[in-house]
């Protein structure tokens, strides 16, 4: 039997109908996370078309695969999806194919941005990533006298507004907007800690990349699969989805006084990410198994009876 692995929303919408006109088996992979839960100050609005597409896919899709519990819970709580049709299969990575930071470039970045605590943010400049929330925390700590600098990677429609916000908070000299960079690994490696209060993640790549470099992160509990491998105080830091920033500020104050603790957390996160996401035969088999139709028990009993 032919099998179609369909990825991304538009392809899945088409596949949801196509499965009725062919004998092929369709497996629909969902990679987006856009849910607003009670307490979220960002409502994560979706267009009517997005909502319609997901509604149709959830109703017609026979096998839907998501990469994390966060996506599954959003589908169940917000979209009323049928749990029997959805299964979690985590992403797998061949980490040997990842590049390595340039040691000289890393040293130069540290020299160009001297600080007791060098932070990095790496995400699209959109409301769901909550740069403004983090910037307010940085501004408050800097006014308290903390020697903090922040590297702000990537770009997006909110960049100009965020730059104005930094100017209004008088912290422009402590925040460096770097835009989209191909040498982003050098900046991630140079920083002491990734601050990533994003509300919209299916299974974040940047946190895994930070982990490969022996660094750790501040992330939100219940978003994507963060809660599966970020254990607060052991591999990284978890803050509530509904944080007002006070939890992030508390973490930064603590690590500011004992930055060496970040080394141990980074080492633990590195091992955790490798153990959970590195490509193995067993994990590849989970994907291959999706292509095989489930055998019905009635058929198995009938065959057993014939053999007897």
C-alpha atoms as a PDB file:
ATOM      1  CA  UNK A   1       0.000   0.000   0.000  1.00  0.00           C
ATOM      2  CA  UNK A   2       1.251   3.467  -0.874  1.00  0.00           C
ATOM      3  CA  UNK A   3       1.757   5.845   2.060  1.00  0.00           C
ATOM      4  CA  UNK A   4       1.689   9.646   1.980  1.00  0.00           C
ATOM      5  CA  UNK A   5       3.468  11.576   4.730  1.00  0.00           C
ATOM      6  CA  UNK A   6       1.910  15.041   4.535  1.00  0.00           C
ATOM      7  CA  UNK A   7       3.543  18.001   6.269  1.00  0.00           C
ATOM      8  CA  UNK A   8       2.436  21.585   6.940  1.00  0.00           C
ATOM      9  CA  UNK A   9      -1.070  22.952   7.162  1.00  0.00           C
ATOM     10  CA  UNK A  10      -1.896  23.631   3.506  1.00  0.00           C
ATOM     11  CA  UNK A  11      -0.660  20.208   2.392  1.00  0.00           C
ATOM     12  CA  UNK A  12      -2.589  18.554   5.222  1.00  0.00           C
ATOM     13  CA  UNK A  13      -5.802  20.332   4.219  1.00  0.00           C
ATOM     14  CA  UNK A  14      -5.503  18.896   0.708  1.00  0.00           C
ATOM     15  CA  UNK A  15      -4.470  15.464   2.005  1.00  0.00           C
ATOM     16  CA  UNK A  16      -7.500  15.329   4.316  1.00  0.00           C
ATOM     17  CA  UNK A  17      -9.744  15.278   1.233  1.00  0.00           C
ATOM     18  CA  UNK A  18      -7.414  13.317  -1.042  1.00  0.00           C
ATOM     19  CA  UNK A  19      -7.480  10.305   1.265  1.00  0.00           C
ATOM     20  CA  UNK A  20     -11.081   9.602   0.214  1.00  0.00           C
ATOM     21  CA  UNK A  21     -10.118   9.251  -3.458  1.00  0.00           C
ATOM     22  CA  UNK A  22      -7.187   6.861  -3.232  1.00  0.00           C
ATOM     23  CA  UNK A  23      -6.224   3.621  -1.529  1.00  0.00           C
ATOM     24  CA  UNK A  24      -3.061   5.242  -0.159  1.00  0.00           C
ATOM     25  CA  UNK A  25      -2.651   5.633   3.591  1.00  0.00           C
ATOM     26  CA  UNK A  26      -2.251   9.270   4.695  1.00  0.00           C
ATOM     27  CA  UNK A  27      -0.317  10.387   7.771  1.00  0.00           C
ATOM     28  CA  UNK A  28      -0.697  14.094   8.545  1.00  0.00           C
ATOM     29  CA  UNK A  29       2.122  15.798  10.461  1.00  0.00           C
ATOM     30  CA  UNK A  30       1.301  18.971  12.388  1.00  0.00           C
ATOM     31  CA  UNK A  31       4.208  21.268  13.229  1.00  0.00           C
ATOM     32  CA  UNK A  32       2.511  24.480  14.355  1.00  0.00           C
ATOM     33  CA  UNK A  33       1.492  25.602  17.827  1.00  0.00           C
ATOM     34  CA  UNK A  34      -0.873  28.537  18.181  1.00  0.00           C
ATOM     35  CA  UNK A  35      -3.097  28.166  21.212  1.00  0.00           C
ATOM     36  CA  UNK A  36      -4.183  30.660  23.833  1.00  0.00           C
ATOM     37  CA  UNK A  37      -4.882  29.169  27.254  1.00  0.00           C
ATOM     38  CA  UNK A  38      -6.500  30.842  30.282  1.00  0.00           C
ATOM     39  CA  UNK A  39      -3.996  33.295  31.756  1.00  0.00           C
ATOM     40  CA  UNK A  40      -2.137  34.004  28.512  1.00  0.00           C
ATOM     41  CA  UNK A  41      -1.834  37.751  28.051  1.00  0.00           C
ATOM     42  CA  UNK A  42      -1.147  37.267  24.329  1.00  0.00           C
ATOM     43  CA  UNK A  43      -4.268  35.882  22.695  1.00  0.00           C
ATOM     44  CA  UNK A  44      -2.515  34.299  19.699  1.00  0.00           C
ATOM     45  CA  UNK A  45      -5.222  35.305  17.210  1.00  0.00           C
ATOM     46  CA  UNK A  46      -5.582  33.173  14.113  1.00  0.00           C
ATOM     47  CA  UNK A  47      -7.121  34.026  10.783  1.00  0.00           C
ATOM     48  CA  UNK A  48     -10.453  32.426   9.938  1.00  0.00           C
ATOM     49  CA  UNK A  49      -8.702  30.469   7.193  1.00  0.00           C
ATOM     50  CA  UNK A  50      -6.197  28.995   9.648  1.00  0.00           C
ATOM     51  CA  UNK A  51      -9.006  27.987  11.974  1.00  0.00           C
ATOM     52  CA  UNK A  52     -11.015  26.443   9.144  1.00  0.00           C
ATOM     53  CA  UNK A  53      -8.026  24.455   7.895  1.00  0.00           C
ATOM     54  CA  UNK A  54      -7.265  23.018  11.334  1.00  0.00           C
ATOM     55  CA  UNK A  55     -10.933  22.226  11.931  1.00  0.00           C
ATOM     56  CA  UNK A  56     -11.167  20.250   8.698  1.00  0.00           C
ATOM     57  CA  UNK A  57      -7.849  18.479   9.247  1.00  0.00           C
ATOM     58  CA  UNK A  58      -8.806  17.491  12.795  1.00  0.00           C
ATOM     59  CA  UNK A  59     -12.183  16.152  11.684  1.00  0.00           C
ATOM     60  CA  UNK A  60     -11.094  14.288   8.562  1.00  0.00           C
ATOM     61  CA  UNK A  61      -7.531  13.255   9.317  1.00  0.00           C
ATOM     62  CA  UNK A  62      -7.340   9.589  10.237  1.00  0.00           C
ATOM     63  CA  UNK A  63      -3.789   9.664  11.590  1.00  0.00           C
ATOM     64  CA  UNK A  64      -2.378  12.967  12.853  1.00  0.00           C
ATOM     65  CA  UNK A  65       1.133  13.144  14.282  1.00  0.00           C
ATOM     66  CA  UNK A  66       2.392  15.946  16.538  1.00  0.00           C
ATOM     67  CA  UNK A  67       5.890  16.401  17.996  1.00  0.00           C
ATOM     68  CA  UNK A  68       4.971  17.288  21.573  1.00  0.00           C
ATOM     69  CA  UNK A  69       2.453  17.092  24.368  1.00  0.00           C
ATOM     70  CA  UNK A  70       1.995  20.859  24.192  1.00  0.00           C
ATOM     71  CA  UNK A  71       0.561  20.626  20.683  1.00  0.00           C
ATOM     72  CA  UNK A  72      -1.647  17.683  21.626  1.00  0.00           C
ATOM     73  CA  UNK A  73      -3.061  19.459  24.685  1.00  0.00           C
ATOM     74  CA  UNK A  74      -3.774  22.562  22.633  1.00  0.00           C
ATOM     75  CA  UNK A  75      -5.628  20.523  20.023  1.00  0.00           C
ATOM     76  CA  UNK A  76      -7.725  18.838  22.698  1.00  0.00           C
ATOM     77  CA  UNK A  77      -8.452  21.899  24.848  1.00  0.00           C
ATOM     78  CA  UNK A  78      -8.871  24.569  22.197  1.00  0.00           C
ATOM     79  CA  UNK A  79      -9.803  22.749  18.987  1.00  0.00           C
ATOM     80  CA  UNK A  80     -11.759  19.818  20.482  1.00  0.00           C
ATOM     81  CA  UNK A  81      -9.771  17.339  18.395  1.00  0.00           C
ATOM     82  CA  UNK A  82     -10.369  13.593  18.694  1.00  0.00           C
ATOM     83  CA  UNK A  83      -7.544  12.224  20.862  1.00  0.00           C
ATOM     84  CA  UNK A  84      -7.907   8.803  19.223  1.00  0.00           C
ATOM     85  CA  UNK A  85      -6.657  10.223  15.926  1.00  0.00           C
ATOM     86  CA  UNK A  86      -3.634  12.046  17.307  1.00  0.00           C
ATOM     87  CA  UNK A  87      -0.341  10.601  18.485  1.00  0.00           C
ATOM     88  CA  UNK A  88       2.916  12.118  19.698  1.00  0.00           C
ATOM     89  CA  UNK A  89       6.090  11.190  17.841  1.00  0.00           C
ATOM     90  CA  UNK A  90       8.996  13.453  18.888  1.00  0.00           C
ATOM     91  CA  UNK A  91      11.346  14.917  16.324  1.00  0.00           C
ATOM     92  CA  UNK A  92      14.661  13.167  15.758  1.00  0.00           C
ATOM     93  CA  UNK A  93      17.921  14.840  14.774  1.00  0.00           C
ATOM     94  CA  UNK A  94      21.266  13.797  13.373  1.00  0.00           C
ATOM     95  CA  UNK A  95      23.258  16.129  15.561  1.00  0.00           C
ATOM     96  CA  UNK A  96      26.515  15.080  13.883  1.00  0.00           C
ATOM     97  CA  UNK A  97      25.450  17.239  10.926  1.00  0.00           C
ATOM     98  CA  UNK A  98      25.341  20.413  13.021  1.00  0.00           C
ATOM     99  CA  UNK A  99      28.111  22.963  12.656  1.00  0.00           C
ATOM    100  CA  UNK A 100      30.437  24.151  15.401  1.00  0.00           C
ATOM    101  CA  UNK A 101      30.974  27.718  16.606  1.00  0.00           C
ATOM    102  CA  UNK A 102      34.189  29.527  15.691  1.00  0.00           C
ATOM    103  CA  UNK A 103      36.210  29.851  18.908  1.00  0.00           C
ATOM    104  CA  UNK A 104      37.901  33.086  17.785  1.00  0.00           C
ATOM    105  CA  UNK A 105      34.548  34.605  16.807  1.00  0.00           C
ATOM    106  CA  UNK A 106      33.050  33.612  20.160  1.00  0.00           C
ATOM    107  CA  UNK A 107      35.932  35.264  22.022  1.00  0.00           C
ATOM    108  CA  UNK A 108      35.521  38.419  19.934  1.00  0.00           C
ATOM    109  CA  UNK A 109      31.789  38.581  20.664  1.00  0.00           C
ATOM    110  CA  UNK A 110      32.516  38.335  24.381  1.00  0.00           C
ATOM    111  CA  UNK A 111      35.083  41.106  24.048  1.00  0.00           C
ATOM    112  CA  UNK A 112      32.694  43.331  22.074  1.00  0.00           C
ATOM    113  CA  UNK A 113      29.879  42.846  24.598  1.00  0.00           C
ATOM    114  CA  UNK A 114      31.537  42.779  28.033  1.00  0.00           C
ATOM    115  CA  UNK A 115      29.164  42.027  30.910  1.00  0.00           C
ATOM    116  CA  UNK A 116      28.972  39.962  34.060  1.00  0.00           C
ATOM    117  CA  UNK A 117      25.935  38.220  32.524  1.00  0.00           C
ATOM    118  CA  UNK A 118      25.615  38.047  28.735  1.00  0.00           C
ATOM    119  CA  UNK A 119      22.133  36.970  27.623  1.00  0.00           C
ATOM    120  CA  UNK A 120      20.764  36.043  24.227  1.00  0.00           C
ATOM    121  CA  UNK A 121      17.301  35.962  22.669  1.00  0.00           C
ATOM    122  CA  UNK A 122      16.811  34.160  19.357  1.00  0.00           C
ATOM    123  CA  UNK A 123      13.311  34.183  17.878  1.00  0.00           C
ATOM    124  CA  UNK A 124      11.131  36.016  15.409  1.00  0.00           C
ATOM    125  CA  UNK A 125      10.128  39.512  16.485  1.00  0.00           C
ATOM    126  CA  UNK A 126       6.423  38.784  16.866  1.00  0.00           C
ATOM    127  CA  UNK A 127       4.143  39.221  19.911  1.00  0.00           C
ATOM    128  CA  UNK A 128       3.982  35.482  20.689  1.00  0.00           C
ATOM    129  CA  UNK A 129       7.737  35.403  21.433  1.00  0.00           C
ATOM    130  CA  UNK A 130       7.265  38.065  24.142  1.00  0.00           C
ATOM    131  CA  UNK A 131      10.392  40.154  23.641  1.00  0.00           C
ATOM    132  CA  UNK A 132       8.725  43.128  25.304  1.00  0.00           C
ATOM    133  CA  UNK A 133       8.123  41.120  28.482  1.00  0.00           C
ATOM    134  CA  UNK A 134      11.791  40.107  28.622  1.00  0.00           C
ATOM    135  CA  UNK A 135      13.007  43.614  27.729  1.00  0.00           C
ATOM    136  CA  UNK A 136      11.074  45.051  30.659  1.00  0.00           C
ATOM    137  CA  UNK A 137      12.771  42.553  32.975  1.00  0.00           C
ATOM    138  CA  UNK A 138      16.176  43.494  31.575  1.00  0.00           C
ATOM    139  CA  UNK A 139      15.431  47.200  31.976  1.00  0.00           C
ATOM    140  CA  UNK A 140      14.382  46.798  35.608  1.00  0.00           C
ATOM    141  CA  UNK A 141      17.511  44.813  36.477  1.00  0.00           C
ATOM    142  CA  UNK A 142      19.822  47.208  34.667  1.00  0.00           C
ATOM    143  CA  UNK A 143      18.292  50.123  36.594  1.00  0.00           C
ATOM    144  CA  UNK A 144      18.993  48.169  39.781  1.00  0.00           C
ATOM    145  CA  UNK A 145      22.662  48.109  38.816  1.00  0.00           C
ATOM    146  CA  UNK A 146      23.019  44.644  37.299  1.00  0.00           C
ATOM    147  CA  UNK A 147      25.755  44.402  34.676  1.00  0.00           C
ATOM    148  CA  UNK A 148      23.707  42.723  31.935  1.00  0.00           C
ATOM    149  CA  UNK A 149      23.927  42.829  28.162  1.00  0.00           C
ATOM    150  CA  UNK A 150      21.600  41.149  25.684  1.00  0.00           C
ATOM    151  CA  UNK A 151      22.200  39.867  22.146  1.00  0.00           C
ATOM    152  CA  UNK A 152      18.947  39.952  20.186  1.00  0.00           C
ATOM    153  CA  UNK A 153      19.035  37.640  17.167  1.00  0.00           C
ATOM    154  CA  UNK A 154      16.572  37.311  14.278  1.00  0.00           C
ATOM    155  CA  UNK A 155      14.101  39.786  12.842  1.00  0.00           C
ATOM    156  CA  UNK A 156      10.403  40.349  12.336  1.00  0.00           C
ATOM    157  CA  UNK A 157       7.558  42.869  12.064  1.00  0.00           C
ATOM    158  CA  UNK A 158       7.917  44.033  15.685  1.00  0.00           C
ATOM    159  CA  UNK A 159      11.597  44.948  15.433  1.00  0.00           C
ATOM    160  CA  UNK A 160      11.144  48.722  14.987  1.00  0.00           C
ATOM    161  CA  UNK A 161       8.678  48.856  17.871  1.00  0.00           C
ATOM    162  CA  UNK A 162      11.009  46.841  20.092  1.00  0.00           C
ATOM    163  CA  UNK A 163      13.903  49.141  19.263  1.00  0.00           C
ATOM    164  CA  UNK A 164      11.764  52.136  20.254  1.00  0.00           C
ATOM    165  CA  UNK A 165      10.789  50.367  23.472  1.00  0.00           C
ATOM    166  CA  UNK A 166      14.463  49.780  24.316  1.00  0.00           C
ATOM    167  CA  UNK A 167      15.195  53.461  23.674  1.00  0.00           C
ATOM    168  CA  UNK A 168      12.288  54.551  25.862  1.00  0.00           C
ATOM    169  CA  UNK A 169      13.580  52.297  28.654  1.00  0.00           C
ATOM    170  CA  UNK A 170      17.082  53.769  28.153  1.00  0.00           C
ATOM    171  CA  UNK A 171      18.692  50.366  27.642  1.00  0.00           C
ATOM    172  CA  UNK A 172      19.614  50.629  23.959  1.00  0.00           C
ATOM    173  CA  UNK A 173      23.289  50.574  24.878  1.00  0.00           C
ATOM    174  CA  UNK A 174      22.768  47.204  26.610  1.00  0.00           C
ATOM    175  CA  UNK A 175      20.713  45.523  23.862  1.00  0.00           C
ATOM    176  CA  UNK A 176      22.253  44.726  20.495  1.00  0.00           C
ATOM    177  CA  UNK A 177      19.832  43.943  17.657  1.00  0.00           C
ATOM    178  CA  UNK A 178      21.724  41.609  15.341  1.00  0.00           C
ATOM    179  CA  UNK A 179      18.990  40.609  12.884  1.00  0.00           C
ATOM    180  CA  UNK A 180      19.130  37.353  10.960  1.00  0.00           C
ATOM    181  CA  UNK A 181      22.622  35.833  11.201  1.00  0.00           C
ATOM    182  CA  UNK A 182      24.077  32.750   9.576  1.00  0.00           C
ATOM    183  CA  UNK A 183      26.756  32.679  12.277  1.00  0.00           C
ATOM    184  CA  UNK A 184      24.120  32.495  15.014  1.00  0.00           C
ATOM    185  CA  UNK A 185      25.908  29.552  16.669  1.00  0.00           C
ATOM    186  CA  UNK A 186      28.798  31.866  17.550  1.00  0.00           C
ATOM    187  CA  UNK A 187      26.411  34.197  19.388  1.00  0.00           C
ATOM    188  CA  UNK A 188      24.596  31.371  21.159  1.00  0.00           C
ATOM    189  CA  UNK A 189      27.943  29.966  22.291  1.00  0.00           C
ATOM    190  CA  UNK A 190      29.153  33.381  23.480  1.00  0.00           C
ATOM    191  CA  UNK A 191      26.135  33.999  25.708  1.00  0.00           C
ATOM    192  CA  UNK A 192      25.746  32.681  29.244  1.00  0.00           C
ATOM    193  CA  UNK A 193      22.012  32.007  29.011  1.00  0.00           C
ATOM    194  CA  UNK A 194      19.169  31.943  26.470  1.00  0.00           C
ATOM    195  CA  UNK A 195      16.000  33.760  27.570  1.00  0.00           C
ATOM    196  CA  UNK A 196      13.103  32.341  25.571  1.00  0.00           C
ATOM    197  CA  UNK A 197       9.625  33.152  27.004  1.00  0.00           C
ATOM    198  CA  UNK A 198       7.871  32.107  23.792  1.00  0.00           C
ATOM    199  CA  UNK A 199       4.238  31.027  23.921  1.00  0.00           C
ATOM    200  CA  UNK A 200       4.237  29.387  20.516  1.00  0.00           C
ATOM    201  CA  UNK A 201       6.472  26.367  19.988  1.00  0.00           C
ATOM    202  CA  UNK A 202       5.777  22.891  18.656  1.00  0.00           C
ATOM    203  CA  UNK A 203       9.280  21.619  19.470  1.00  0.00           C
ATOM    204  CA  UNK A 204      11.883  24.381  19.625  1.00  0.00           C
ATOM    205  CA  UNK A 205      15.092  24.031  17.632  1.00  0.00           C
ATOM    206  CA  UNK A 206      16.938  26.946  19.230  1.00  0.00           C
ATOM    207  CA  UNK A 207      16.825  25.425  22.715  1.00  0.00           C
ATOM    208  CA  UNK A 208      18.245  22.173  21.358  1.00  0.00           C
ATOM    209  CA  UNK A 209      20.980  24.135  19.573  1.00  0.00           C
ATOM    210  CA  UNK A 210      21.842  25.937  22.802  1.00  0.00           C
ATOM    211  CA  UNK A 211      21.983  22.572  24.570  1.00  0.00           C
ATOM    212  CA  UNK A 212      24.419  21.188  21.991  1.00  0.00           C
ATOM    213  CA  UNK A 213      26.714  24.084  22.852  1.00  0.00           C
ATOM    214  CA  UNK A 214      26.610  23.280  26.557  1.00  0.00           C
ATOM    215  CA  UNK A 215      24.379  26.233  27.396  1.00  0.00           C
ATOM    216  CA  UNK A 216      20.948  26.325  29.003  1.00  0.00           C
ATOM    217  CA  UNK A 217      17.763  28.368  28.799  1.00  0.00           C
ATOM    218  CA  UNK A 218      14.775  29.974  30.494  1.00  0.00           C
ATOM    219  CA  UNK A 219      11.583  28.668  28.844  1.00  0.00           C
ATOM    220  CA  UNK A 220       7.864  28.416  29.587  1.00  0.00           C
ATOM    221  CA  UNK A 221       6.307  25.398  31.237  1.00  0.00           C
ATOM    222  CA  UNK A 222       3.649  23.672  29.140  1.00  0.00           C
ATOM    223  CA  UNK A 223       4.811  25.104  25.810  1.00  0.00           C
ATOM    224  CA  UNK A 224       5.761  22.549  23.153  1.00  0.00           C
ATOM    225  CA  UNK A 225       7.884  19.815  24.724  1.00  0.00           C
ATOM    226  CA  UNK A 226       9.947  22.027  27.056  1.00  0.00           C
ATOM    227  CA  UNK A 227       8.530  20.391  30.172  1.00  0.00           C
ATOM    228  CA  UNK A 228       9.720  16.982  28.939  1.00  0.00           C
ATOM    229  CA  UNK A 229      13.422  17.785  28.991  1.00  0.00           C
ATOM    230  CA  UNK A 230      13.884  21.070  30.846  1.00  0.00           C
ATOM    231  CA  UNK A 231      13.807  20.264  34.540  1.00  0.00           C
ATOM    232  CA  UNK A 232      13.806  23.420  36.636  1.00  0.00           C
ATOM    233  CA  UNK A 233      17.100  23.835  38.437  1.00  0.00           C
ATOM    234  CA  UNK A 234      18.677  20.721  36.916  1.00  0.00           C
ATOM    235  CA  UNK A 235      18.802  21.165  33.141  1.00  0.00           C
ATOM    236  CA  UNK A 236      17.403  24.684  32.846  1.00  0.00           C
ATOM    237  CA  UNK A 237      14.678  26.991  34.099  1.00  0.00           C
ATOM    238  CA  UNK A 238      10.905  26.775  33.688  1.00  0.00           C
ATOM    239  CA  UNK A 239       8.599  29.736  34.257  1.00  0.00           C
ATOM    240  CA  UNK A 240       4.782  29.710  34.073  1.00  0.00           C
ATOM    241  CA  UNK A 241       3.127  30.472  30.747  1.00  0.00           C
ATOM    242  CA  UNK A 242       1.327  33.311  32.535  1.00  0.00           C
ATOM    243  CA  UNK A 243       4.522  34.844  33.946  1.00  0.00           C
ATOM    244  CA  UNK A 244       4.533  38.602  34.404  1.00  0.00           C
ATOM    245  CA  UNK A 245       8.316  38.517  34.236  1.00  0.00           C
ATOM    246  CA  UNK A 246       8.948  38.306  37.972  1.00  0.00           C
ATOM    247  CA  UNK A 247       9.998  34.655  37.748  1.00  0.00           C
ATOM    248  CA  UNK A 248      12.460  35.477  34.973  1.00  0.00           C
ATOM    249  CA  UNK A 249      13.874  38.342  37.042  1.00  0.00           C
ATOM    250  CA  UNK A 250      14.307  36.028  40.031  1.00  0.00           C
ATOM    251  CA  UNK A 251      16.217  33.507  37.930  1.00  0.00           C
ATOM    252  CA  UNK A 252      18.503  36.185  36.482  1.00  0.00           C
ATOM    253  CA  UNK A 253      19.257  37.564  39.945  1.00  0.00           C
ATOM    254  CA  UNK A 254      20.152  34.073  41.161  1.00  0.00           C
ATOM    255  CA  UNK A 255      22.427  33.176  38.247  1.00  0.00           C
ATOM    256  CA  UNK A 256      24.031  36.627  38.371  1.00  0.00           C
ATOM    257  CA  UNK A 257      25.349  35.797  41.843  1.00  0.00           C
ATOM    258  CA  UNK A 258      26.458  32.272  40.849  1.00  0.00           C
ATOM    259  CA  UNK A 259      27.055  32.146  37.075  1.00  0.00           C
ATOM    260  CA  UNK A 260      29.118  28.953  37.396  1.00  0.00           C
ATOM    261  CA  UNK A 261      25.875  27.067  38.100  1.00  0.00           C
ATOM    262  CA  UNK A 262      24.913  27.639  34.465  1.00  0.00           C
ATOM    263  CA  UNK A 263      27.806  25.432  33.363  1.00  0.00           C
ATOM    264  CA  UNK A 264      26.415  22.431  35.231  1.00  0.00           C
ATOM    265  CA  UNK A 265      22.886  23.043  33.932  1.00  0.00           C
ATOM    266  CA  UNK A 266      24.190  23.367  30.388  1.00  0.00           C
ATOM    267  CA  UNK A 267      26.024  20.068  30.689  1.00  0.00           C
ATOM    268  CA  UNK A 268      22.902  18.332  31.982  1.00  0.00           C
ATOM    269  CA  UNK A 269      20.706  19.838  29.256  1.00  0.00           C
ATOM    270  CA  UNK A 270      23.212  18.741  26.630  1.00  0.00           C
ATOM    271  CA  UNK A 271      22.960  15.125  27.785  1.00  0.00           C
ATOM    272  CA  UNK A 272      19.185  15.272  28.082  1.00  0.00           C
ATOM    273  CA  UNK A 273      18.733  16.579  24.537  1.00  0.00           C
ATOM    274  CA  UNK A 274      21.081  13.970  23.090  1.00  0.00           C
ATOM    275  CA  UNK A 275      19.319  11.180  24.973  1.00  0.00           C
ATOM    276  CA  UNK A 276      15.862  12.279  23.844  1.00  0.00           C
ATOM    277  CA  UNK A 277      16.345  13.474  20.279  1.00  0.00           C
ATOM    278  CA  UNK A 278      19.478  11.933  18.760  1.00  0.00           C
ATOM    279  CA  UNK A 279      18.704   9.726  15.776  1.00  0.00           C
ATOM    280  CA  UNK A 280      18.592   6.011  16.615  1.00  0.00           C
ATOM    281  CA  UNK A 281      17.254   2.928  14.858  1.00  0.00           C
ATOM    282  CA  UNK A 282      14.470   2.670  17.434  1.00  0.00           C
ATOM    283  CA  UNK A 283      13.312   6.252  16.841  1.00  0.00           C
ATOM    284  CA  UNK A 284      13.442   5.882  13.085  1.00  0.00           C
ATOM    285  CA  UNK A 285      11.322   2.747  13.465  1.00  0.00           C
ATOM    286  CA  UNK A 286       8.598   4.815  15.161  1.00  0.00           C
ATOM    287  CA  UNK A 287       8.276   6.857  11.986  1.00  0.00           C
ATOM    288  CA  UNK A 288       8.389   3.811   9.739  1.00  0.00           C
ATOM    289  CA  UNK A 289       5.684   2.173  11.840  1.00  0.00           C
ATOM    290  CA  UNK A 290       3.348   5.038  10.951  1.00  0.00           C
ATOM    291  CA  UNK A 291       3.352   3.762   7.383  1.00  0.00           C
ATOM    292  CA  UNK A 292       2.031   0.378   8.408  1.00  0.00           C
ATOM    293  CA  UNK A 293      -1.729  -0.025   8.781  1.00  0.00           C
ATOM    294  CA  UNK A 294      -2.849  -1.197  12.202  1.00  0.00           C
ATOM    295  CA  UNK A 295      -3.855  -4.852  12.140  1.00  0.00           C
ATOM    296  CA  UNK A 296      -7.363  -5.490  13.380  1.00  0.00           C
ATOM    297  CA  UNK A 297      -7.770  -8.033  16.139  1.00  0.00           C
ATOM    298  CA  UNK A 298     -10.601  -9.817  14.317  1.00  0.00           C
ATOM    299  CA  UNK A 299      -8.294 -10.558  11.436  1.00  0.00           C
ATOM    300  CA  UNK A 300      -5.627 -11.906  13.742  1.00  0.00           C
ATOM    301  CA  UNK A 301      -8.066 -14.224  15.507  1.00  0.00           C
ATOM    302  CA  UNK A 302      -9.422 -15.519  12.208  1.00  0.00           C
ATOM    303  CA  UNK A 303      -5.948 -16.272  10.928  1.00  0.00           C
ATOM    304  CA  UNK A 304      -5.075 -18.043  14.175  1.00  0.00           C
ATOM    305  CA  UNK A 305      -8.197 -20.200  13.888  1.00  0.00           C
ATOM    306  CA  UNK A 306      -7.331 -21.169  10.307  1.00  0.00           C
ATOM    307  CA  UNK A 307      -3.820 -22.209  11.376  1.00  0.00           C
ATOM    308  CA  UNK A 308      -5.274 -24.512  14.021  1.00  0.00           C
END
